[in-house]
N, C-alpha and C. Protein backbone atom coordinates (compact mmCIF):
# COMPACT_ATOMS: atom_id res chain seq x y z
N MET A 1 24.60 -21.28 15.09
CA MET A 1 24.93 -22.40 14.53
C MET A 1 24.22 -22.94 13.35
N ILE A 2 25.23 -22.77 12.13
CA ILE A 2 24.67 -23.00 10.67
C ILE A 2 24.17 -24.04 10.73
N SER A 3 24.49 -25.22 10.43
CA SER A 3 24.05 -26.27 10.40
C SER A 3 24.33 -27.64 10.98
N SER A 4 23.75 -28.68 11.60
CA SER A 4 23.94 -29.86 12.09
C SER A 4 24.64 -30.90 11.15
N GLU A 5 24.84 -30.24 9.81
CA GLU A 5 25.75 -31.39 9.23
C GLU A 5 26.97 -31.47 9.22
N LEU A 6 27.14 -30.21 9.34
CA LEU A 6 29.17 -29.64 9.72
C LEU A 6 29.52 -30.54 10.31
N ALA A 7 30.96 -31.36 10.20
CA ALA A 7 32.02 -31.88 10.71
C ALA A 7 32.90 -31.60 10.93
N LEU A 8 33.94 -31.05 11.79
CA LEU A 8 34.97 -30.39 11.94
C LEU A 8 35.75 -31.20 10.88
N VAL A 9 36.95 -30.68 10.50
CA VAL A 9 37.95 -32.22 9.85
C VAL A 9 39.22 -32.21 10.65
N LEU A 10 39.75 -32.54 11.07
CA LEU A 10 40.96 -33.26 12.09
C LEU A 10 41.55 -32.66 11.10
N ASN A 11 42.80 -31.51 11.31
CA ASN A 11 44.21 -31.55 10.11
C ASN A 11 44.90 -32.83 9.87
N GLU A 12 44.90 -34.24 10.29
CA GLU A 12 45.38 -34.99 9.81
C GLU A 12 44.63 -35.72 8.40
N GLU A 13 43.45 -35.43 8.68
CA GLU A 13 42.24 -35.98 8.11
C GLU A 13 41.59 -35.03 6.33
N VAL A 14 42.43 -33.90 6.28
CA VAL A 14 42.33 -32.95 5.57
C VAL A 14 42.31 -33.14 3.82
N GLU A 15 43.15 -33.59 3.80
CA GLU A 15 43.65 -34.53 1.86
C GLU A 15 42.52 -35.71 1.97
N ASP A 16 42.37 -36.45 2.90
CA ASP A 16 41.32 -37.33 2.72
C ASP A 16 40.25 -36.79 2.48
N VAL A 17 39.40 -35.96 3.19
CA VAL A 17 38.28 -35.62 3.11
C VAL A 17 37.86 -34.96 2.01
N THR A 18 38.94 -33.75 1.66
CA THR A 18 38.86 -32.87 0.12
C THR A 18 39.07 -33.53 -0.98
N ALA A 19 40.17 -35.12 -1.18
CA ALA A 19 40.46 -35.21 -2.18
C ALA A 19 38.78 -36.41 -2.96
N LYS A 20 37.96 -36.52 -2.16
CA LYS A 20 36.46 -36.73 -2.69
C LYS A 20 35.84 -34.84 -4.26
N TYR A 21 36.60 -34.00 -3.43
CA TYR A 21 35.78 -32.83 -4.47
C TYR A 21 36.82 -31.94 -4.94
N ILE A 22 38.23 -32.33 -4.70
CA ILE A 22 39.23 -31.36 -5.76
C ILE A 22 40.86 -32.68 -5.32
N SER A 23 41.62 -32.29 -6.45
CA SER A 23 42.65 -32.66 -6.51
C SER A 23 43.85 -32.14 -5.44
N LYS A 24 44.82 -32.52 -4.87
CA LYS A 24 45.94 -32.16 -3.89
C LYS A 24 46.74 -30.63 -4.41
N ASP A 25 46.57 -31.00 -5.81
CA ASP A 25 47.52 -28.83 -6.63
C ASP A 25 46.14 -28.72 -6.52
N HIS A 26 44.70 -28.31 -6.80
CA HIS A 26 44.24 -27.57 -6.53
C HIS A 26 43.55 -27.28 -4.89
N LEU A 27 43.76 -28.16 -4.04
CA LEU A 27 43.34 -27.87 -2.71
C LEU A 27 44.70 -26.80 -2.27
N ASP A 28 45.91 -26.85 -2.99
CA ASP A 28 47.09 -25.60 -2.46
C ASP A 28 46.75 -24.77 -2.94
N THR A 29 46.06 -24.66 -3.94
CA THR A 29 46.31 -23.48 -4.45
C THR A 29 45.10 -23.21 -3.76
N LEU A 30 44.44 -23.46 -3.94
CA LEU A 30 42.82 -23.15 -2.50
C LEU A 30 43.02 -21.72 -1.59
N ARG A 31 43.99 -22.97 -0.70
CA ARG A 31 44.61 -22.30 0.35
C ARG A 31 45.08 -21.27 0.08
N HIS A 32 45.44 -21.18 -0.91
CA HIS A 32 46.51 -19.97 -0.75
C HIS A 32 45.69 -18.71 -1.47
N LEU A 33 44.96 -19.30 -2.39
CA LEU A 33 43.53 -17.98 -2.53
C LEU A 33 42.53 -17.91 -1.76
N VAL A 34 42.55 -18.78 -0.56
CA VAL A 34 41.19 -18.64 0.07
C VAL A 34 42.07 -16.94 1.61
N ASP A 35 43.36 -17.63 1.20
CA ASP A 35 44.24 -16.09 2.37
C ASP A 35 44.16 -14.84 1.21
N LYS A 36 44.32 -15.00 0.37
CA LYS A 36 44.49 -13.90 -0.36
C LYS A 36 43.03 -13.11 -0.60
N TRP A 37 41.55 -13.73 -0.70
CA TRP A 37 40.35 -13.46 -0.72
C TRP A 37 40.03 -13.18 1.13
N MET A 38 40.38 -13.88 1.85
CA MET A 38 40.32 -13.63 3.04
C MET A 38 41.29 -11.78 3.07
N HIS A 39 42.20 -11.51 2.93
CA HIS A 39 43.04 -10.15 3.24
C HIS A 39 42.19 -9.17 2.36
N ARG A 40 41.42 -9.67 1.32
CA ARG A 40 40.68 -8.34 0.34
C ARG A 40 39.45 -8.02 1.11
N LEU A 41 38.75 -8.93 1.27
CA LEU A 41 37.31 -8.86 1.66
C LEU A 41 37.55 -8.65 3.63
N ALA A 42 38.31 -9.19 3.96
CA ALA A 42 38.09 -8.84 5.56
C ALA A 42 39.30 -8.10 6.01
N SER A 43 40.52 -7.55 5.11
CA SER A 43 41.92 -7.26 5.78
C SER A 43 42.12 -8.19 6.39
N SER A 44 42.06 -9.17 7.00
CA SER A 44 42.19 -9.66 7.97
C SER A 44 43.15 -11.40 7.23
N TRP A 45 44.02 -11.22 8.13
CA TRP A 45 45.01 -12.94 7.72
C TRP A 45 44.41 -13.80 9.28
N THR A 46 44.47 -15.26 9.32
CA THR A 46 43.94 -16.14 9.89
C THR A 46 44.78 -16.94 10.01
N GLN A 47 44.21 -18.23 10.30
CA GLN A 47 44.51 -19.78 10.79
C GLN A 47 43.31 -20.31 10.25
N TRP A 48 43.28 -21.37 9.28
CA TRP A 48 42.17 -21.98 8.95
C TRP A 48 41.80 -23.49 9.57
N GLU A 49 40.83 -23.93 9.44
CA GLU A 49 40.03 -25.19 9.95
C GLU A 49 39.35 -25.52 8.78
N PHE A 50 39.18 -27.02 8.38
CA PHE A 50 38.32 -27.12 7.29
C PHE A 50 37.11 -27.84 8.19
N TYR A 51 35.94 -27.55 7.17
CA TYR A 51 34.50 -28.56 7.53
C TYR A 51 34.20 -29.00 6.83
N SER A 52 33.40 -30.05 6.76
CA SER A 52 32.44 -31.09 5.68
C SER A 52 31.29 -31.30 5.97
N PHE A 53 30.78 -31.20 4.76
CA PHE A 53 29.28 -31.60 5.02
C PHE A 53 29.24 -32.44 3.64
N ASN A 54 27.65 -33.00 3.70
CA ASN A 54 26.98 -33.98 2.53
C ASN A 54 27.33 -33.44 1.49
N GLY A 55 28.76 -33.46 0.80
CA GLY A 55 28.50 -33.31 -0.40
C GLY A 55 29.92 -32.22 -0.87
N GLY A 56 30.43 -31.63 0.12
CA GLY A 56 31.25 -30.92 0.11
C GLY A 56 32.36 -30.48 1.57
N PHE A 57 32.91 -29.09 1.32
CA PHE A 57 33.91 -28.63 2.60
C PHE A 57 33.96 -27.32 2.33
N PHE A 58 34.15 -26.89 3.25
CA PHE A 58 34.43 -25.21 3.06
C PHE A 58 35.87 -25.03 3.99
N ILE A 59 36.55 -23.73 3.75
CA ILE A 59 37.76 -23.42 5.28
C ILE A 59 37.10 -22.24 5.67
N ALA A 60 37.09 -22.57 7.45
CA ALA A 60 36.68 -20.94 7.61
C ALA A 60 37.80 -20.40 9.13
N PRO A 61 37.71 -19.36 8.96
CA PRO A 61 38.97 -19.01 9.61
C PRO A 61 38.78 -18.76 11.25
N THR A 62 39.91 -19.12 12.00
CA THR A 62 39.60 -19.82 13.44
C THR A 62 40.31 -18.59 14.67
N THR A 63 40.93 -17.42 14.10
CA THR A 63 41.38 -16.64 14.95
C THR A 63 40.21 -15.84 15.79
N GLN A 64 39.08 -15.74 15.13
CA GLN A 64 37.98 -14.78 15.85
C GLN A 64 36.41 -15.06 15.54
N GLU A 65 35.77 -14.69 16.27
CA GLU A 65 34.36 -15.59 16.10
C GLU A 65 33.66 -14.28 15.22
N TYR A 66 33.49 -13.67 14.91
CA TYR A 66 32.87 -12.27 13.58
C TYR A 66 34.09 -11.48 12.70
N PHE A 67 33.80 -11.50 11.98
CA PHE A 67 34.69 -10.58 11.11
C PHE A 67 33.96 -9.50 9.90
N ASP A 68 34.38 -8.58 9.67
CA ASP A 68 33.84 -7.54 8.99
C ASP A 68 34.07 -7.60 7.93
N ILE A 69 33.52 -8.22 6.69
CA ILE A 69 33.59 -8.41 5.28
C ILE A 69 33.18 -7.48 4.65
N SER A 70 33.46 -6.08 3.71
CA SER A 70 33.20 -5.58 2.93
C SER A 70 33.46 -6.16 1.29
N ILE A 71 32.69 -5.92 0.52
CA ILE A 71 32.97 -6.38 -0.67
C ILE A 71 32.36 -5.15 -2.09
N SER A 72 33.31 -3.94 -2.18
CA SER A 72 32.86 -2.87 -2.85
C SER A 72 31.98 -3.43 -4.37
N GLY A 73 32.60 -4.41 -4.92
CA GLY A 73 31.75 -4.59 -6.33
C GLY A 73 30.04 -4.62 -5.98
N ASN A 74 29.85 -5.13 -4.89
CA ASN A 74 28.10 -5.42 -4.96
C ASN A 74 27.95 -4.43 -3.48
N PHE A 75 28.70 -3.93 -3.09
CA PHE A 75 27.95 -2.91 -2.24
C PHE A 75 27.60 -3.72 -0.71
N PHE A 76 28.34 -5.12 -0.78
CA PHE A 76 27.95 -5.91 0.61
C PHE A 76 28.75 -5.78 1.51
N SER A 77 28.43 -4.93 2.74
CA SER A 77 29.56 -5.14 4.25
C SER A 77 29.02 -5.45 5.38
N GLN A 78 28.78 -6.44 5.86
CA GLN A 78 28.22 -6.84 6.67
C GLN A 78 29.09 -7.22 8.14
N ARG A 79 28.90 -7.83 8.88
CA ARG A 79 29.96 -8.58 10.73
C ARG A 79 29.28 -9.85 10.15
N VAL A 80 29.88 -11.13 9.68
CA VAL A 80 29.37 -12.40 10.03
C VAL A 80 30.27 -12.89 11.11
N CYS A 81 29.54 -14.14 10.89
CA CYS A 81 30.75 -15.43 11.76
C CYS A 81 31.47 -15.94 11.20
N ARG A 82 32.03 -16.47 11.85
CA ARG A 82 33.95 -17.20 11.25
C ARG A 82 33.03 -18.28 9.92
N LYS A 83 32.33 -19.10 10.20
CA LYS A 83 32.00 -19.82 9.34
C LYS A 83 31.22 -19.47 8.37
N THR A 84 30.46 -18.21 8.51
CA THR A 84 29.77 -17.80 6.96
C THR A 84 30.74 -16.93 6.43
N THR A 85 32.14 -16.28 7.03
CA THR A 85 33.47 -15.99 6.22
C THR A 85 33.72 -16.67 6.03
N GLY A 86 34.25 -17.90 6.26
CA GLY A 86 34.56 -19.18 5.20
C GLY A 86 33.76 -19.21 4.19
N ILE A 87 32.51 -19.38 4.14
CA ILE A 87 32.08 -19.22 3.06
C ILE A 87 32.10 -18.77 1.89
N ILE A 88 32.04 -17.86 2.24
CA ILE A 88 31.78 -16.18 1.37
C ILE A 88 33.33 -16.30 1.08
N VAL A 89 33.97 -16.48 1.39
CA VAL A 89 36.02 -16.54 0.92
C VAL A 89 35.92 -17.55 0.13
N CYS A 90 35.57 -19.08 0.35
CA CYS A 90 36.17 -19.85 -0.20
C CYS A 90 35.02 -19.92 -1.48
N LEU A 91 33.94 -19.34 -1.54
CA LEU A 91 33.27 -19.11 -3.12
C LEU A 91 33.62 -18.67 -3.94
N TYR A 92 34.39 -17.18 -3.51
CA TYR A 92 35.38 -16.13 -4.32
C TYR A 92 36.31 -17.00 -4.51
N ALA A 93 37.59 -17.57 -3.88
CA ALA A 93 38.62 -18.46 -3.83
C ALA A 93 38.36 -19.35 -5.10
N LEU A 94 37.29 -20.11 -5.11
CA LEU A 94 36.75 -21.18 -5.94
C LEU A 94 36.65 -20.67 -7.48
N VAL A 95 35.43 -19.53 -7.20
CA VAL A 95 36.00 -18.99 -9.08
C VAL A 95 37.01 -19.17 -9.23
N GLU A 96 37.90 -18.07 -8.57
CA GLU A 96 39.03 -17.61 -9.28
C GLU A 96 39.84 -18.91 -9.63
N LEU A 97 39.88 -19.87 -9.34
CA LEU A 97 40.58 -21.35 -8.92
C LEU A 97 39.55 -21.88 -10.13
N MET A 98 38.50 -21.83 -10.75
CA MET A 98 37.48 -22.53 -11.45
C MET A 98 38.03 -21.31 -12.62
N TYR A 99 38.15 -20.02 -13.30
CA TYR A 99 38.45 -19.57 -14.19
C TYR A 99 40.02 -20.46 -14.72
N GLN A 100 41.02 -19.85 -13.70
CA GLN A 100 42.37 -20.37 -14.03
C GLN A 100 42.35 -22.07 -14.41
N THR A 101 41.64 -22.77 -14.24
CA THR A 101 41.72 -24.45 -14.67
C THR A 101 40.43 -24.87 -15.23
N GLN A 102 39.10 -24.17 -15.16
CA GLN A 102 38.02 -24.69 -15.77
C GLN A 102 37.69 -26.10 -15.78
N SER A 103 37.89 -26.45 -14.43
CA SER A 103 37.66 -28.49 -13.86
C SER A 103 35.82 -27.65 -13.38
N GLU A 104 35.64 -29.01 -14.05
CA GLU A 104 34.31 -29.38 -13.55
C GLU A 104 34.12 -29.69 -12.09
N ARG A 105 35.60 -30.40 -11.48
CA ARG A 105 34.97 -30.81 -10.30
C ARG A 105 35.09 -29.53 -9.34
N LEU A 106 35.43 -28.52 -9.56
CA LEU A 106 35.75 -26.85 -8.60
C LEU A 106 34.32 -26.75 -8.77
N LEU A 107 33.75 -26.70 -9.91
CA LEU A 107 32.32 -26.00 -10.50
C LEU A 107 31.22 -27.09 -9.46
N ASP A 108 31.50 -28.17 -9.31
CA ASP A 108 30.11 -28.98 -8.14
C ASP A 108 30.89 -28.59 -6.72
N LEU A 109 32.14 -28.24 -6.41
CA LEU A 109 31.98 -28.36 -5.27
C LEU A 109 32.11 -26.57 -4.83
N TYR A 110 31.49 -25.72 -5.62
CA TYR A 110 31.14 -24.55 -5.72
C TYR A 110 29.43 -24.29 -5.51
N GLU A 111 29.10 -25.17 -6.15
CA GLU A 111 27.78 -25.63 -6.77
C GLU A 111 27.35 -26.23 -5.31
N SER A 112 28.09 -27.50 -4.49
CA SER A 112 27.39 -27.97 -3.39
C SER A 112 27.69 -26.74 -2.21
N ILE A 113 28.77 -26.65 -1.99
CA ILE A 113 28.51 -24.82 -1.43
C ILE A 113 27.02 -24.22 -0.97
N ILE A 114 27.05 -23.75 -2.17
CA ILE A 114 25.96 -22.91 -2.67
C ILE A 114 24.68 -23.61 -2.00
N GLU A 115 24.45 -24.89 -2.18
CA GLU A 115 23.03 -25.52 -1.71
C GLU A 115 23.36 -25.70 -0.52
N PHE A 116 24.41 -25.82 0.12
CA PHE A 116 24.64 -26.19 1.55
C PHE A 116 23.95 -25.28 2.23
N SER A 117 24.55 -23.70 1.81
CA SER A 117 24.14 -22.37 2.40
C SER A 117 22.91 -22.40 2.07
N LYS A 118 22.08 -22.86 0.91
CA LYS A 118 20.49 -22.58 0.95
C LYS A 118 20.15 -23.26 2.19
N ARG A 119 20.11 -24.39 3.02
CA ARG A 119 19.62 -25.04 3.99
C ARG A 119 19.79 -24.57 5.42
N THR A 120 20.64 -23.42 5.07
CA THR A 120 21.21 -22.82 6.95
C THR A 120 20.38 -21.53 6.88
N THR A 121 20.85 -21.11 8.11
CA THR A 121 20.27 -19.22 8.14
C THR A 121 20.70 -18.43 7.79
N ILE A 122 21.95 -19.02 6.93
CA ILE A 122 22.76 -17.41 6.41
C ILE A 122 22.38 -17.50 4.70
N ALA A 123 22.02 -18.21 4.10
CA ALA A 123 21.29 -18.33 3.08
C ALA A 123 21.26 -17.06 2.23
N ASP A 124 20.58 -16.23 2.86
CA ASP A 124 20.60 -14.59 2.11
C ASP A 124 21.74 -13.79 2.20
N THR A 125 22.59 -14.23 3.43
CA THR A 125 23.70 -13.53 3.43
C THR A 125 24.92 -13.82 2.41
N VAL A 126 25.05 -14.88 1.99
CA VAL A 126 25.92 -15.68 1.18
C VAL A 126 25.49 -15.32 -0.04
N ARG A 127 24.02 -15.20 -0.48
CA ARG A 127 23.59 -15.02 -1.32
C ARG A 127 23.92 -13.39 -2.09
N TYR A 128 24.01 -12.24 -0.93
CA TYR A 128 24.33 -10.89 -1.67
C TYR A 128 25.54 -10.35 -1.16
N ALA A 129 26.19 -11.54 -0.80
CA ALA A 129 27.76 -11.64 -0.45
C ALA A 129 28.45 -11.99 -1.88
N ILE A 130 27.30 -12.56 -3.06
CA ILE A 130 28.36 -13.23 -4.22
C ILE A 130 27.52 -12.74 -5.38
N ASP A 131 26.70 -12.09 -4.92
CA ASP A 131 25.71 -11.91 -5.79
C ASP A 131 26.67 -10.17 -6.65
């Protein structure tokens, strides 16, 4: 278990929960970028579910429990659980979206996901994956 802070966001609540952290337009783009980064890092397409925590949210894949993530730019290659996969993929997608938009809200969300991961057992894995 990553953290007891996590709450699964029901599909009908996604826009309400995420609106605190990201605009509707940015959410739509983030979903697209998450798919793109998932395919790039794990060579996989999947369905997604949202998780919220105190200060933010991330999107995690639902189709299998573990994914093999490979990031050639930093030589990261590990099998990680689906929630860790979601955090890593979301961070990469957020960086791309921040580059496109220069949004402070996206930077805040990125930092909140990093801070959340630091409070969990996956902190080192996430740090290595995004380093």
